[in-house]
Amino acid sequence: MLRNRYLRLVLALLASGVLSFAVGIAIGSATSMLHCEGERLACNIDVAVGAYATMMLAAIGPLIYFVTLAVATNRTALLGATLVLLAPLLAGYVLGEAESWHYVGFYPYPALRTFLVLFVPPFAAIITQWSALRTAIGRGVLT
């Protein structure tokens, strides 16, 4: 086993980043196959934004987790970093959908499809990173 704590932390963060990217893209690919109602361009843009958000969070997430876990290696700090990553994602989705619902109206299926392709893949990437690092902390890999 590696003796250097920071090397183990970097390797755990790299593994969680790669795993979260794979999970997010797989979920994004699966949800993008849902039937598109209305303009196809709008559906493609939602899928692209969800994929870009997944890629960005798979890259930025380990950096935020590194700063957090370099200071305090516990599950409370890990939860705080996860909430920091989830807050802008949730705020952006809610604000974007609120504007759409205000001007266009609420249509259940397109709103569900938008949720599944725009919000779920980056959310799954963050939760995958959190669960991988939480498991590593619980097993004593990062201490």
C-alpha atoms as a PDB file:
ATOM      1  CA  MET A   1       0.000   0.000   0.000  1.00  0.00           C
ATOM      2  CA  LEU A   2       1.190   3.502  -0.760  1.00  0.00           C
ATOM      3  CA  ARG A   3       2.618   5.319   2.248  1.00  0.00           C
ATOM      4  CA  ASN A   4       2.192   8.886   1.069  1.00  0.00           C
ATOM      5  CA  ARG A   5      -1.274  10.182   2.007  1.00  0.00           C
ATOM      6  CA  TYR A   6      -1.392  12.818  -0.738  1.00  0.00           C
ATOM      7  CA  LEU A   7      -0.410  10.348  -3.442  1.00  0.00           C
ATOM      8  CA  ARG A   8      -3.237   8.047  -2.337  1.00  0.00           C
ATOM      9  CA  LEU A   9      -5.592  11.037  -2.368  1.00  0.00           C
ATOM     10  CA  VAL A  10      -4.568  12.035  -5.906  1.00  0.00           C
ATOM     11  CA  LEU A  11      -4.961   8.461  -7.172  1.00  0.00           C
ATOM     12  CA  ALA A  12      -8.389   8.148  -5.507  1.00  0.00           C
ATOM     13  CA  LEU A  13      -9.469  11.463  -7.037  1.00  0.00           C
ATOM     14  CA  LEU A  14      -8.269  10.438 -10.502  1.00  0.00           C
ATOM     15  CA  ALA A  15     -10.118   7.139 -10.231  1.00  0.00           C
ATOM     16  CA  SER A  16     -13.298   8.836  -9.028  1.00  0.00           C
ATOM     17  CA  GLY A  17     -13.063  11.433 -11.820  1.00  0.00           C
ATOM     18  CA  VAL A  18     -12.686   8.815 -14.537  1.00  0.00           C
ATOM     19  CA  LEU A  19     -15.447   6.668 -13.047  1.00  0.00           C
ATOM     20  CA  SER A  20     -17.813   9.630 -12.717  1.00  0.00           C
ATOM     21  CA  PHE A  21     -17.122  10.684 -16.310  1.00  0.00           C
ATOM     22  CA  ALA A  22     -17.923   7.181 -17.556  1.00  0.00           C
ATOM     23  CA  VAL A  23     -21.120   6.937 -15.503  1.00  0.00           C
ATOM     24  CA  GLY A  24     -22.302  10.425 -16.519  1.00  0.00           C
ATOM     25  CA  ILE A  25     -21.671   9.881 -20.220  1.00  0.00           C
ATOM     26  CA  ALA A  26     -23.309   6.430 -20.114  1.00  0.00           C
ATOM     27  CA  ILE A  27     -26.419   7.841 -18.460  1.00  0.00           C
ATOM     28  CA  GLY A  28     -26.409  10.790 -20.875  1.00  0.00           C
ATOM     29  CA  SER A  29     -26.184   8.456 -23.857  1.00  0.00           C
ATOM     30  CA  ALA A  30     -29.010   6.303 -22.537  1.00  0.00           C
ATOM     31  CA  THR A  31     -31.321   9.239 -21.823  1.00  0.00           C
ATOM     32  CA  SER A  32     -30.565  10.949 -25.138  1.00  0.00           C
ATOM     33  CA  MET A  33     -32.321   8.068 -26.901  1.00  0.00           C
ATOM     34  CA  LEU A  34     -35.681   9.174 -25.504  1.00  0.00           C
ATOM     35  CA  HIS A  35     -38.195  10.397 -28.050  1.00  0.00           C
ATOM     36  CA  CYS A  36     -37.971  14.117 -28.743  1.00  0.00           C
ATOM     37  CA  GLU A  37     -41.204  16.084 -28.981  1.00  0.00           C
ATOM     38  CA  GLY A  38     -41.059  19.415 -30.740  1.00  0.00           C
ATOM     39  CA  GLU A  39     -37.929  20.938 -32.200  1.00  0.00           C
ATOM     40  CA  ARG A  40     -35.096  18.455 -32.598  1.00  0.00           C
ATOM     41  CA  LEU A  41     -32.517  21.226 -32.235  1.00  0.00           C
ATOM     42  CA  ALA A  42     -33.729  22.043 -28.713  1.00  0.00           C
ATOM     43  CA  CYS A  43     -33.434  18.386 -27.733  1.00  0.00           C
ATOM     44  CA  ASN A  44     -29.904  18.203 -29.157  1.00  0.00           C
ATOM     45  CA  ILE A  45     -28.876  21.347 -27.293  1.00  0.00           C
ATOM     46  CA  ASP A  46     -30.183  19.899 -24.007  1.00  0.00           C
ATOM     47  CA  VAL A  47     -28.189  16.713 -24.568  1.00  0.00           C
ATOM     48  CA  ALA A  48     -25.052  18.702 -25.426  1.00  0.00           C
ATOM     49  CA  VAL A  49     -25.366  20.943 -22.360  1.00  0.00           C
ATOM     50  CA  GLY A  50     -25.840  17.885 -20.134  1.00  0.00           C
ATOM     51  CA  ALA A  51     -22.751  16.237 -21.645  1.00  0.00           C
ATOM     52  CA  TYR A  52     -20.639  19.393 -21.254  1.00  0.00           C
ATOM     53  CA  ALA A  53     -21.777  19.790 -17.645  1.00  0.00           C
ATOM     54  CA  THR A  54     -20.860  16.155 -16.994  1.00  0.00           C
ATOM     55  CA  MET A  55     -17.384  16.654 -18.476  1.00  0.00           C
ATOM     56  CA  MET A  56     -16.791  19.848 -16.520  1.00  0.00           C
ATOM     57  CA  LEU A  57     -17.942  18.345 -13.219  1.00  0.00           C
ATOM     58  CA  ALA A  58     -15.869  15.207 -13.799  1.00  0.00           C
ATOM     59  CA  ALA A  59     -12.831  17.497 -14.128  1.00  0.00           C
ATOM     60  CA  ILE A  60     -13.643  20.195 -11.561  1.00  0.00           C
ATOM     61  CA  GLY A  61     -15.051  17.816  -8.948  1.00  0.00           C
ATOM     62  CA  PRO A  62     -11.728  16.150  -8.103  1.00  0.00           C
ATOM     63  CA  LEU A  63     -10.095  19.573  -7.716  1.00  0.00           C
ATOM     64  CA  ILE A  64     -12.723  20.707  -5.215  1.00  0.00           C
ATOM     65  CA  TYR A  65     -12.579  17.374  -3.424  1.00  0.00           C
ATOM     66  CA  PHE A  66      -8.756  17.598  -3.299  1.00  0.00           C
ATOM     67  CA  VAL A  67      -8.812  20.993  -1.631  1.00  0.00           C
ATOM     68  CA  THR A  68     -11.455  19.784   0.823  1.00  0.00           C
ATOM     69  CA  LEU A  69      -9.862  16.439   1.645  1.00  0.00           C
ATOM     70  CA  ALA A  70      -6.360  17.897   1.911  1.00  0.00           C
ATOM     71  CA  VAL A  71      -7.635  19.947   4.840  1.00  0.00           C
ATOM     72  CA  ALA A  72     -10.048  17.505   6.500  1.00  0.00           C
ATOM     73  CA  THR A  73     -10.404  13.845   5.615  1.00  0.00           C
ATOM     74  CA  ASN A  74     -13.857  13.077   6.961  1.00  0.00           C
ATOM     75  CA  ARG A  75     -17.318  12.435   5.628  1.00  0.00           C
ATOM     76  CA  THR A  76     -18.733  15.780   6.793  1.00  0.00           C
ATOM     77  CA  ALA A  77     -16.194  17.727   4.727  1.00  0.00           C
ATOM     78  CA  LEU A  78     -16.897  15.437   1.786  1.00  0.00           C
ATOM     79  CA  LEU A  79     -20.625  16.147   2.052  1.00  0.00           C
ATOM     80  CA  GLY A  80     -19.942  19.889   2.142  1.00  0.00           C
ATOM     81  CA  ALA A  81     -17.861  19.696  -1.032  1.00  0.00           C
ATOM     82  CA  THR A  82     -20.616  17.670  -2.708  1.00  0.00           C
ATOM     83  CA  LEU A  83     -23.183  20.329  -1.833  1.00  0.00           C
ATOM     84  CA  VAL A  84     -20.856  23.007  -3.249  1.00  0.00           C
ATOM     85  CA  LEU A  85     -20.775  21.065  -6.525  1.00  0.00           C
ATOM     86  CA  LEU A  86     -24.529  20.418  -6.602  1.00  0.00           C
ATOM     87  CA  ALA A  87     -25.706  23.963  -5.786  1.00  0.00           C
ATOM     88  CA  PRO A  88     -24.825  25.660  -9.123  1.00  0.00           C
ATOM     89  CA  LEU A  89     -26.092  22.668 -11.083  1.00  0.00           C
ATOM     90  CA  LEU A  90     -29.450  22.722  -9.317  1.00  0.00           C
ATOM     91  CA  ALA A  91     -29.735  26.516  -9.458  1.00  0.00           C
ATOM     92  CA  GLY A  92     -28.992  26.623 -13.191  1.00  0.00           C
ATOM     93  CA  TYR A  93     -31.494  23.882 -13.960  1.00  0.00           C
ATOM     94  CA  VAL A  94     -34.284  25.397 -11.852  1.00  0.00           C
ATOM     95  CA  LEU A  95     -33.749  28.912 -13.226  1.00  0.00           C
ATOM     96  CA  GLY A  96     -33.648  27.688 -16.820  1.00  0.00           C
ATOM     97  CA  GLU A  97     -36.767  25.589 -16.447  1.00  0.00           C
ATOM     98  CA  ALA A  98     -38.631  28.317 -14.551  1.00  0.00           C
ATOM     99  CA  GLU A  99     -38.028  30.716 -17.421  1.00  0.00           C
ATOM    100  CA  SER A 100     -39.182  28.117 -19.932  1.00  0.00           C
ATOM    101  CA  TRP A 101     -42.291  27.285 -17.936  1.00  0.00           C
ATOM    102  CA  HIS A 102     -43.112  30.983 -17.532  1.00  0.00           C
ATOM    103  CA  TYR A 103     -42.870  31.887 -21.226  1.00  0.00           C
ATOM    104  CA  VAL A 104     -43.726  28.625 -22.972  1.00  0.00           C
ATOM    105  CA  GLY A 105     -45.784  26.706 -20.453  1.00  0.00           C
ATOM    106  CA  PHE A 106     -45.432  23.364 -18.727  1.00  0.00           C
ATOM    107  CA  TYR A 107     -45.561  20.246 -20.847  1.00  0.00           C
ATOM    108  CA  PRO A 108     -44.907  17.099 -18.780  1.00  0.00           C
ATOM    109  CA  TYR A 109     -43.036  14.868 -21.227  1.00  0.00           C
ATOM    110  CA  PRO A 110     -40.653  17.500 -22.642  1.00  0.00           C
ATOM    111  CA  ALA A 111     -39.961  18.721 -19.099  1.00  0.00           C
ATOM    112  CA  LEU A 112     -39.192  15.158 -17.969  1.00  0.00           C
ATOM    113  CA  ARG A 113     -36.926  14.567 -20.967  1.00  0.00           C
ATOM    114  CA  THR A 114     -35.112  17.835 -20.315  1.00  0.00           C
ATOM    115  CA  PHE A 115     -34.619  16.828 -16.682  1.00  0.00           C
ATOM    116  CA  LEU A 116     -33.285  13.403 -17.678  1.00  0.00           C
ATOM    117  CA  VAL A 117     -30.793  14.632 -20.303  1.00  0.00           C
ATOM    118  CA  LEU A 118     -29.768  17.941 -18.729  1.00  0.00           C
ATOM    119  CA  PHE A 119     -29.683  17.365 -14.973  1.00  0.00           C
ATOM    120  CA  VAL A 120     -29.350  13.623 -14.305  1.00  0.00           C
ATOM    121  CA  PRO A 121     -25.977  12.907 -16.035  1.00  0.00           C
ATOM    122  CA  PRO A 122     -23.985  15.633 -14.196  1.00  0.00           C
ATOM    123  CA  PHE A 123     -25.822  14.790 -10.967  1.00  0.00           C
ATOM    124  CA  ALA A 124     -24.844  11.132 -11.414  1.00  0.00           C
ATOM    125  CA  ALA A 125     -21.224  12.177 -12.011  1.00  0.00           C
ATOM    126  CA  ILE A 126     -21.128  14.129  -8.748  1.00  0.00           C
ATOM    127  CA  ILE A 127     -22.829  11.366  -6.768  1.00  0.00           C
ATOM    128  CA  THR A 128     -20.419   8.788  -8.239  1.00  0.00           C
ATOM    129  CA  GLN A 129     -17.434  10.846  -7.109  1.00  0.00           C
ATOM    130  CA  TRP A 130     -18.957  11.335  -3.674  1.00  0.00           C
ATOM    131  CA  SER A 131     -19.744   7.653  -3.184  1.00  0.00           C
ATOM    132  CA  ALA A 132     -16.287   6.519  -4.381  1.00  0.00           C
ATOM    133  CA  LEU A 133     -14.514   8.939  -2.065  1.00  0.00           C
ATOM    134  CA  ARG A 134     -16.863   8.165   0.820  1.00  0.00           C
ATOM    135  CA  THR A 135     -16.056   4.479   0.406  1.00  0.00           C
ATOM    136  CA  ALA A 136     -12.326   5.268   0.328  1.00  0.00           C
ATOM    137  CA  ILE A 137     -12.617   7.288   3.532  1.00  0.00           C
ATOM    138  CA  GLY A 138     -14.689   4.580   5.210  1.00  0.00           C
ATOM    139  CA  ARG A 139     -12.102   1.904   4.379  1.00  0.00           C
ATOM    140  CA  GLY A 140      -9.236   4.043   5.595  1.00  0.00           C
ATOM    141  CA  VAL A 141      -7.563   4.432   2.205  1.00  0.00           C
ATOM    142  CA  LEU A 142      -7.214   8.225   2.528  1.00  0.00           C
ATOM    143  CA  THR A 143      -6.125   8.429   6.160  1.00  0.00           C
END
